[in-house]
Amino acid sequence: MNDTEHIVTEFVYCLLISGGKMSPPALYYLPPSPPCRTILLLAKMLDLELDLKIINILEGEQLKPDFVAINPQHCVPTMNDQGLVLWESRAILSYLVAAYAKSDELYPTDIRVRALVDQRLQFDLGTLYLRMTDYYFPTMFMGAPLDEGKRAKLSEAVGWLNAILEGRQFAAAEHFTIADLTMVVTISQIEAFGLELKPYKHVRLWMERCKEHLAPYDYEEINASKAIMLADMFKAKMNQMGGA
């Protein structure tokens, strides 16, 4: 039996023992986490069932040996799809579209368009989301004073996104893609934290288009309400520090 025949045989065996239905991908997550919210929204868009497993990082559950055995970096979201374990939300987004979407609309196969999608994903990971967490999270989780230099860097990143969006309906293609998905979650969190978006016309218009696109997929419940929840944690910490 060659390798291909062996893989097919194992797949058929798994189907038989599961009654013809493969178990859904398991997602280890925390609902207020912005990266986790992107995966939940995408699953809604794909009509994909997930086996949801909450990992409360505020209580250190990510450090339990059984979770570290799955993901030694012990971060969320983490996905396990039939033994394929992935973390980093943007890698999970790309995989889920490739594996479960009925078309390539969310992650186009056209090389040049996909290159733009990938660039925007990396921009979100390495610049936009990073600068948001650098500015807000030390205060929210460790009680550190806000660093206005980091606020300026965050505003600079939002300005770069504003420039990217000039003359565009969406971030990377002529339609909504996973690049829009990950960045609209980040921007919605930045806005909830209190950064004024009024100076960024193209960002504001793009956000409205993204929200309209995502409305049928429980955007308000999955993302908007959880962005407010996280922002309330930040504001509570700020009030606590102010009263100290």
C-alpha atoms as a PDB file:
ATOM      1  CA  MET A   1       0.000   0.000   0.000  1.00  0.00           C
ATOM      2  CA  ASN A   2       1.464   3.363  -1.027  1.00  0.00           C
ATOM      3  CA  ASP A   3       1.285   6.564   1.054  1.00  0.00           C
ATOM      4  CA  THR A   4      -1.781   7.927  -0.733  1.00  0.00           C
ATOM      5  CA  GLU A   5      -3.722   4.679  -0.296  1.00  0.00           C
ATOM      6  CA  HIS A   6      -2.731   4.585   3.373  1.00  0.00           C
ATOM      7  CA  ILE A   7      -3.988   8.144   3.976  1.00  0.00           C
ATOM      8  CA  VAL A   8      -7.277   7.439   2.207  1.00  0.00           C
ATOM      9  CA  THR A   9      -7.729   4.205   4.172  1.00  0.00           C
ATOM     10  CA  GLU A  10      -7.132   6.005   7.479  1.00  0.00           C
ATOM     11  CA  PHE A  11      -9.566   8.760   6.483  1.00  0.00           C
ATOM     12  CA  VAL A  12     -12.299   6.265   5.579  1.00  0.00           C
ATOM     13  CA  TYR A  13     -11.677   4.394   8.836  1.00  0.00           C
ATOM     14  CA  CYS A  14     -12.096   7.627  10.825  1.00  0.00           C
ATOM     15  CA  LEU A  15     -15.338   8.329   9.013  1.00  0.00           C
ATOM     16  CA  LEU A  16     -16.656   4.871   9.773  1.00  0.00           C
ATOM     17  CA  ILE A  17     -15.885   4.948  13.483  1.00  0.00           C
ATOM     18  CA  SER A  18     -17.379   8.427  13.782  1.00  0.00           C
ATOM     19  CA  GLY A  19     -20.607   7.446  12.047  1.00  0.00           C
ATOM     20  CA  GLY A  20     -19.599   9.152   8.813  1.00  0.00           C
ATOM     21  CA  LYS A  21     -19.023  12.540  10.390  1.00  0.00           C
ATOM     22  CA  MET A  22     -15.619  13.933  11.331  1.00  0.00           C
ATOM     23  CA  SER A  23     -15.425  15.802  14.619  1.00  0.00           C
ATOM     24  CA  PRO A  24     -15.317  19.607  14.230  1.00  0.00           C
ATOM     25  CA  PRO A  25     -12.109  21.561  14.751  1.00  0.00           C
ATOM     26  CA  ALA A  26     -11.461  22.306  18.415  1.00  0.00           C
ATOM     27  CA  LEU A  27     -10.844  25.961  19.238  1.00  0.00           C
ATOM     28  CA  TYR A  28      -9.185  26.896  22.511  1.00  0.00           C
ATOM     29  CA  TYR A  29     -10.128  30.519  23.071  1.00  0.00           C
ATOM     30  CA  LEU A  30     -11.204  33.355  25.352  1.00  0.00           C
ATOM     31  CA  PRO A  31     -14.298  35.244  24.095  1.00  0.00           C
ATOM     32  CA  PRO A  32     -13.055  38.841  24.684  1.00  0.00           C
ATOM     33  CA  SER A  33      -9.708  38.203  22.927  1.00  0.00           C
ATOM     34  CA  PRO A  34      -9.602  40.073  19.586  1.00  0.00           C
ATOM     35  CA  PRO A  35      -7.683  37.307  17.747  1.00  0.00           C
ATOM     36  CA  CYS A  36     -10.177  34.744  19.055  1.00  0.00           C
ATOM     37  CA  ARG A  37     -13.045  36.900  17.861  1.00  0.00           C
ATOM     38  CA  THR A  38     -11.730  36.806  14.292  1.00  0.00           C
ATOM     39  CA  ILE A  39     -11.853  33.004  14.294  1.00  0.00           C
ATOM     40  CA  LEU A  40     -15.393  32.948  15.692  1.00  0.00           C
ATOM     41  CA  LEU A  41     -16.576  35.400  13.043  1.00  0.00           C
ATOM     42  CA  LEU A  42     -14.941  33.428  10.252  1.00  0.00           C
ATOM     43  CA  ALA A  43     -16.544  30.211  11.491  1.00  0.00           C
ATOM     44  CA  LYS A  44     -19.929  31.933  11.270  1.00  0.00           C
ATOM     45  CA  MET A  45     -19.149  33.073   7.733  1.00  0.00           C
ATOM     46  CA  LEU A  46     -18.146  29.548   6.726  1.00  0.00           C
ATOM     47  CA  ASP A  47     -21.075  27.954   8.595  1.00  0.00           C
ATOM     48  CA  LEU A  48     -18.417  25.875  10.320  1.00  0.00           C
ATOM     49  CA  GLU A  49     -19.102  24.167  13.623  1.00  0.00           C
ATOM     50  CA  LEU A  50     -16.325  24.478  16.205  1.00  0.00           C
ATOM     51  CA  ASP A  51     -15.727  22.517  19.374  1.00  0.00           C
ATOM     52  CA  LEU A  52     -15.259  25.521  21.667  1.00  0.00           C
ATOM     53  CA  LYS A  53     -13.005  25.185  24.707  1.00  0.00           C
ATOM     54  CA  ILE A  54     -12.547  28.280  26.873  1.00  0.00           C
ATOM     55  CA  ILE A  55      -9.049  28.894  28.230  1.00  0.00           C
ATOM     56  CA  ASN A  56      -9.181  31.596  30.902  1.00  0.00           C
ATOM     57  CA  ILE A  57      -5.777  33.210  30.614  1.00  0.00           C
ATOM     58  CA  LEU A  58      -6.634  35.610  33.452  1.00  0.00           C
ATOM     59  CA  GLU A  59      -6.652  32.588  35.760  1.00  0.00           C
ATOM     60  CA  GLY A  60      -3.579  30.948  34.228  1.00  0.00           C
ATOM     61  CA  GLU A  61      -5.408  28.070  32.549  1.00  0.00           C
ATOM     62  CA  GLN A  62      -3.096  28.383  29.546  1.00  0.00           C
ATOM     63  CA  LEU A  63      -0.237  27.128  31.756  1.00  0.00           C
ATOM     64  CA  LYS A  64      -1.892  23.826  32.630  1.00  0.00           C
ATOM     65  CA  PRO A  65       0.199  20.865  31.436  1.00  0.00           C
ATOM     66  CA  ASP A  66      -2.510  19.454  29.152  1.00  0.00           C
ATOM     67  CA  PHE A  67      -2.755  22.730  27.227  1.00  0.00           C
ATOM     68  CA  VAL A  68       1.014  23.300  27.125  1.00  0.00           C
ATOM     69  CA  ALA A  69       1.309  19.800  25.655  1.00  0.00           C
ATOM     70  CA  ILE A  70      -0.885  20.972  22.770  1.00  0.00           C
ATOM     71  CA  ASN A  71       0.701  24.417  22.377  1.00  0.00           C
ATOM     72  CA  PRO A  72       4.069  24.989  24.098  1.00  0.00           C
ATOM     73  CA  GLN A  73       3.668  28.735  23.481  1.00  0.00           C
ATOM     74  CA  HIS A  74       0.424  28.462  25.558  1.00  0.00           C
ATOM     75  CA  CYS A  75      -1.469  31.225  23.758  1.00  0.00           C
ATOM     76  CA  VAL A  76      -4.983  31.594  22.394  1.00  0.00           C
ATOM     77  CA  PRO A  77      -6.501  31.068  19.960  1.00  0.00           C
ATOM     78  CA  THR A  78      -5.211  27.563  19.365  1.00  0.00           C
ATOM     79  CA  MET A  79      -6.925  25.189  16.944  1.00  0.00           C
ATOM     80  CA  ASN A  80      -6.738  21.413  16.696  1.00  0.00           C
ATOM     81  CA  ASP A  81      -8.268  20.047  13.506  1.00  0.00           C
ATOM     82  CA  GLN A  82      -7.882  16.265  13.419  1.00  0.00           C
ATOM     83  CA  GLY A  83      -4.373  16.493  14.839  1.00  0.00           C
ATOM     84  CA  LEU A  84      -3.312  19.611  12.934  1.00  0.00           C
ATOM     85  CA  VAL A  85      -2.527  22.097  15.705  1.00  0.00           C
ATOM     86  CA  LEU A  86      -2.209  25.771  14.803  1.00  0.00           C
ATOM     87  CA  TRP A  87      -1.894  28.946  16.786  1.00  0.00           C
ATOM     88  CA  GLU A  88      -1.543  32.563  15.595  1.00  0.00           C
ATOM     89  CA  SER A  89      -5.004  33.685  14.522  1.00  0.00           C
ATOM     90  CA  ARG A  90      -4.024  34.847  11.047  1.00  0.00           C
ATOM     91  CA  ALA A  91      -2.547  31.440  10.207  1.00  0.00           C
ATOM     92  CA  ILE A  92      -5.767  29.836  11.465  1.00  0.00           C
ATOM     93  CA  LEU A  93      -7.853  32.188   9.295  1.00  0.00           C
ATOM     94  CA  SER A  94      -5.884  31.241   6.174  1.00  0.00           C
ATOM     95  CA  TYR A  95      -6.128  27.532   6.934  1.00  0.00           C
ATOM     96  CA  LEU A  96      -9.849  27.497   7.672  1.00  0.00           C
ATOM     97  CA  VAL A  97     -10.682  29.308   4.438  1.00  0.00           C
ATOM     98  CA  ALA A  98      -8.468  26.952   2.414  1.00  0.00           C
ATOM     99  CA  ALA A  99      -9.924  23.895   4.139  1.00  0.00           C
ATOM    100  CA  TYR A 100     -13.607  24.766   4.513  1.00  0.00           C
ATOM    101  CA  ALA A 101     -14.669  27.678   2.282  1.00  0.00           C
ATOM    102  CA  LYS A 102     -16.745  26.941  -0.792  1.00  0.00           C
ATOM    103  CA  SER A 103     -14.826  29.536  -2.827  1.00  0.00           C
ATOM    104  CA  ASP A 104     -11.593  31.504  -2.645  1.00  0.00           C
ATOM    105  CA  GLU A 105     -13.359  34.836  -2.126  1.00  0.00           C
ATOM    106  CA  LEU A 106     -12.144  35.340   1.437  1.00  0.00           C
ATOM    107  CA  TYR A 107      -8.556  34.340   0.594  1.00  0.00           C
ATOM    108  CA  PRO A 108      -8.143  34.717  -3.174  1.00  0.00           C
ATOM    109  CA  THR A 109      -5.893  32.318  -5.056  1.00  0.00           C
ATOM    110  CA  ASP A 110      -4.887  35.016  -7.553  1.00  0.00           C
ATOM    111  CA  ILE A 111      -1.208  35.450  -6.667  1.00  0.00           C
ATOM    112  CA  ARG A 112      -1.155  39.238  -6.745  1.00  0.00           C
ATOM    113  CA  VAL A 113      -4.364  39.659  -4.754  1.00  0.00           C
ATOM    114  CA  ARG A 114      -3.277  37.059  -2.218  1.00  0.00           C
ATOM    115  CA  ALA A 115       0.027  38.894  -1.826  1.00  0.00           C
ATOM    116  CA  LEU A 116      -1.907  42.004  -0.805  1.00  0.00           C
ATOM    117  CA  VAL A 117      -4.076  39.999   1.594  1.00  0.00           C
ATOM    118  CA  ASP A 118      -0.952  38.469   3.156  1.00  0.00           C
ATOM    119  CA  GLN A 119       0.705  41.874   3.446  1.00  0.00           C
ATOM    120  CA  ARG A 120      -2.338  43.310   5.231  1.00  0.00           C
ATOM    121  CA  LEU A 121      -2.432  40.301   7.568  1.00  0.00           C
ATOM    122  CA  GLN A 122       1.210  40.908   8.436  1.00  0.00           C
ATOM    123  CA  PHE A 123       0.599  44.644   8.824  1.00  0.00           C
ATOM    124  CA  ASP A 124      -2.131  43.890  11.337  1.00  0.00           C
ATOM    125  CA  LEU A 125       0.000  41.379  13.243  1.00  0.00           C
ATOM    126  CA  GLY A 126       3.300  43.259  13.284  1.00  0.00           C
ATOM    127  CA  THR A 127       2.171  46.879  13.345  1.00  0.00           C
ATOM    128  CA  LEU A 128      -1.490  47.686  13.993  1.00  0.00           C
ATOM    129  CA  TYR A 129      -2.408  45.035  16.572  1.00  0.00           C
ATOM    130  CA  LEU A 130       1.088  45.100  18.076  1.00  0.00           C
ATOM    131  CA  ARG A 131       0.975  48.843  18.674  1.00  0.00           C
ATOM    132  CA  MET A 132      -2.485  48.570  20.187  1.00  0.00           C
ATOM    133  CA  THR A 133      -1.352  45.949  22.697  1.00  0.00           C
ATOM    134  CA  ASP A 134       1.891  47.820  23.404  1.00  0.00           C
ATOM    135  CA  TYR A 135      -0.069  50.919  24.378  1.00  0.00           C
ATOM    136  CA  TYR A 136      -3.082  49.539  26.266  1.00  0.00           C
ATOM    137  CA  PHE A 137      -2.169  46.119  27.674  1.00  0.00           C
ATOM    138  CA  PRO A 138       0.654  47.089  30.104  1.00  0.00           C
ATOM    139  CA  THR A 139      -1.836  49.372  31.860  1.00  0.00           C
ATOM    140  CA  MET A 140      -4.763  46.957  31.705  1.00  0.00           C
ATOM    141  CA  PHE A 141      -2.892  43.876  32.928  1.00  0.00           C
ATOM    142  CA  MET A 142       0.012  45.263  34.965  1.00  0.00           C
ATOM    143  CA  GLY A 143      -1.142  48.700  36.078  1.00  0.00           C
ATOM    144  CA  ALA A 144       1.674  50.493  34.256  1.00  0.00           C
ATOM    145  CA  PRO A 145       1.182  54.182  33.437  1.00  0.00           C
ATOM    146  CA  LEU A 146       0.167  54.961  29.871  1.00  0.00           C
ATOM    147  CA  ASP A 147       3.069  55.782  27.578  1.00  0.00           C
ATOM    148  CA  GLU A 148       2.118  58.691  25.308  1.00  0.00           C
ATOM    149  CA  GLY A 149       4.955  57.813  22.964  1.00  0.00           C
ATOM    150  CA  LYS A 150       3.254  54.475  22.332  1.00  0.00           C
ATOM    151  CA  ARG A 151      -0.047  56.271  21.763  1.00  0.00           C
ATOM    152  CA  ALA A 152       1.640  58.346  19.042  1.00  0.00           C
ATOM    153  CA  LYS A 153       2.929  55.159  17.410  1.00  0.00           C
ATOM    154  CA  LEU A 154      -0.552  53.655  17.477  1.00  0.00           C
ATOM    155  CA  SER A 155      -2.024  56.788  15.883  1.00  0.00           C
ATOM    156  CA  GLU A 156       0.707  56.592  13.241  1.00  0.00           C
ATOM    157  CA  ALA A 157      -0.295  52.992  12.434  1.00  0.00           C
ATOM    158  CA  VAL A 158      -3.973  53.920  12.108  1.00  0.00           C
ATOM    159  CA  GLY A 159      -2.865  56.738   9.802  1.00  0.00           C
ATOM    160  CA  TRP A 160      -1.001  54.244   7.640  1.00  0.00           C
ATOM    161  CA  LEU A 161      -4.151  52.113   7.396  1.00  0.00           C
ATOM    162  CA  ASN A 162      -6.075  55.244   6.426  1.00  0.00           C
ATOM    163  CA  ALA A 163      -3.603  55.799   3.578  1.00  0.00           C
ATOM    164  CA  ILE A 164      -3.861  52.147   2.495  1.00  0.00           C
ATOM    165  CA  LEU A 165      -7.650  52.451   2.281  1.00  0.00           C
ATOM    166  CA  GLU A 166      -7.733  55.651   0.247  1.00  0.00           C
ATOM    167  CA  GLY A 167      -9.531  54.912  -3.020  1.00  0.00           C
ATOM    168  CA  ARG A 168     -10.439  51.391  -1.854  1.00  0.00           C
ATOM    169  CA  GLN A 169     -13.687  49.820  -0.730  1.00  0.00           C
ATOM    170  CA  PHE A 170     -11.839  47.044   1.081  1.00  0.00           C
ATOM    171  CA  ALA A 171      -8.297  46.500   2.298  1.00  0.00           C
ATOM    172  CA  ALA A 172      -6.825  44.116  -0.267  1.00  0.00           C
ATOM    173  CA  ALA A 173      -9.351  43.139  -2.945  1.00  0.00           C
ATOM    174  CA  GLU A 174     -12.501  44.479  -4.561  1.00  0.00           C
ATOM    175  CA  HIS A 175     -14.461  42.578  -1.928  1.00  0.00           C
ATOM    176  CA  PHE A 176     -14.239  41.573   1.741  1.00  0.00           C
ATOM    177  CA  THR A 177     -11.380  39.197   2.630  1.00  0.00           C
ATOM    178  CA  ILE A 178      -9.761  37.858   5.789  1.00  0.00           C
ATOM    179  CA  ALA A 179      -7.511  40.930   5.676  1.00  0.00           C
ATOM    180  CA  ASP A 180     -10.571  43.083   6.358  1.00  0.00           C
ATOM    181  CA  LEU A 181     -11.766  40.631   8.996  1.00  0.00           C
ATOM    182  CA  THR A 182      -8.651  40.723  11.157  1.00  0.00           C
ATOM    183  CA  MET A 183      -8.143  44.477  10.826  1.00  0.00           C
ATOM    184  CA  VAL A 184     -11.750  45.462  11.513  1.00  0.00           C
ATOM    185  CA  VAL A 185     -11.591  43.499  14.768  1.00  0.00           C
ATOM    186  CA  THR A 186      -8.384  45.329  15.696  1.00  0.00           C
ATOM    187  CA  ILE A 187      -9.742  48.755  14.762  1.00  0.00           C
ATOM    188  CA  SER A 188     -13.025  48.143  16.561  1.00  0.00           C
ATOM    189  CA  GLN A 189     -11.040  47.350  19.700  1.00  0.00           C
ATOM    190  CA  ILE A 190      -8.884  50.453  19.300  1.00  0.00           C
ATOM    191  CA  GLU A 191     -12.039  52.534  18.959  1.00  0.00           C
ATOM    192  CA  ALA A 192     -13.615  50.883  22.018  1.00  0.00           C
ATOM    193  CA  PHE A 193     -10.489  51.658  24.025  1.00  0.00           C
ATOM    194  CA  GLY A 194     -11.073  55.318  23.202  1.00  0.00           C
ATOM    195  CA  LEU A 195      -8.803  56.307  20.324  1.00  0.00           C
ATOM    196  CA  GLU A 196     -10.673  58.922  18.274  1.00  0.00           C
ATOM    197  CA  LEU A 197     -11.167  57.769  14.673  1.00  0.00           C
ATOM    198  CA  LYS A 198     -12.643  61.047  13.432  1.00  0.00           C
ATOM    199  CA  PRO A 199      -9.370  62.139  11.735  1.00  0.00           C
ATOM    200  CA  TYR A 200      -9.263  58.903   9.697  1.00  0.00           C
ATOM    201  CA  LYS A 201     -12.032  59.277   7.119  1.00  0.00           C
ATOM    202  CA  HIS A 202     -11.138  56.252   5.001  1.00  0.00           C
ATOM    203  CA  VAL A 203     -10.877  54.000   8.069  1.00  0.00           C
ATOM    204  CA  ARG A 204     -14.311  55.092   9.290  1.00  0.00           C
ATOM    205  CA  LEU A 205     -15.999  54.497   5.927  1.00  0.00           C
ATOM    206  CA  TRP A 206     -14.285  51.126   5.537  1.00  0.00           C
ATOM    207  CA  MET A 207     -15.362  50.119   9.039  1.00  0.00           C
ATOM    208  CA  GLU A 208     -18.993  50.801   8.203  1.00  0.00           C
ATOM    209  CA  ARG A 209     -18.731  48.651   5.080  1.00  0.00           C
ATOM    210  CA  CYS A 210     -17.117  45.839   7.081  1.00  0.00           C
ATOM    211  CA  LYS A 211     -19.732  46.017   9.830  1.00  0.00           C
ATOM    212  CA  GLU A 212     -22.513  45.856   7.252  1.00  0.00           C
ATOM    213  CA  HIS A 213     -20.865  42.847   5.619  1.00  0.00           C
ATOM    214  CA  LEU A 214     -20.457  41.057   8.955  1.00  0.00           C
ATOM    215  CA  ALA A 215     -23.860  41.934  10.429  1.00  0.00           C
ATOM    216  CA  PRO A 216     -25.489  38.633   9.339  1.00  0.00           C
ATOM    217  CA  TYR A 217     -22.717  36.702  11.121  1.00  0.00           C
ATOM    218  CA  ASP A 218     -23.424  37.923  14.668  1.00  0.00           C
ATOM    219  CA  TYR A 219     -20.907  40.763  14.486  1.00  0.00           C
ATOM    220  CA  GLU A 220     -22.489  42.649  17.377  1.00  0.00           C
ATOM    221  CA  GLU A 221     -22.511  39.681  19.746  1.00  0.00           C
ATOM    222  CA  ILE A 222     -19.180  38.119  18.777  1.00  0.00           C
ATOM    223  CA  ASN A 223     -17.119  41.257  18.257  1.00  0.00           C
ATOM    224  CA  ALA A 224     -18.692  44.587  19.183  1.00  0.00           C
ATOM    225  CA  SER A 225     -19.974  43.549  22.620  1.00  0.00           C
ATOM    226  CA  LYS A 226     -16.679  41.853  23.480  1.00  0.00           C
ATOM    227  CA  ALA A 227     -14.692  44.906  22.365  1.00  0.00           C
ATOM    228  CA  ILE A 228     -16.701  46.927  24.879  1.00  0.00           C
ATOM    229  CA  MET A 229     -16.113  44.263  27.532  1.00  0.00           C
ATOM    230  CA  LEU A 230     -12.337  44.505  27.060  1.00  0.00           C
ATOM    231  CA  ALA A 231     -12.487  48.300  26.989  1.00  0.00           C
ATOM    232  CA  ASP A 232     -14.450  48.287  30.262  1.00  0.00           C
ATOM    233  CA  MET A 233     -11.642  46.269  31.849  1.00  0.00           C
ATOM    234  CA  PHE A 234      -9.170  48.911  30.718  1.00  0.00           C
ATOM    235  CA  LYS A 235     -11.324  51.765  31.991  1.00  0.00           C
ATOM    236  CA  ALA A 236     -11.827  50.027  35.338  1.00  0.00           C
ATOM    237  CA  LYS A 237      -8.065  49.691  35.716  1.00  0.00           C
ATOM    238  CA  MET A 238      -7.615  53.367  34.827  1.00  0.00           C
ATOM    239  CA  ASN A 239     -10.199  54.361  37.455  1.00  0.00           C
ATOM    240  CA  GLN A 240      -8.524  52.140  39.997  1.00  0.00           C
ATOM    241  CA  MET A 241      -5.147  53.699  39.282  1.00  0.00           C
ATOM    242  CA  GLY A 242      -6.652  57.177  39.465  1.00  0.00           C
ATOM    243  CA  GLY A 243      -8.099  56.438  42.856  1.00  0.00           C
ATOM    244  CA  ALA A 244      -4.909  54.915  44.216  1.00  0.00           C
END
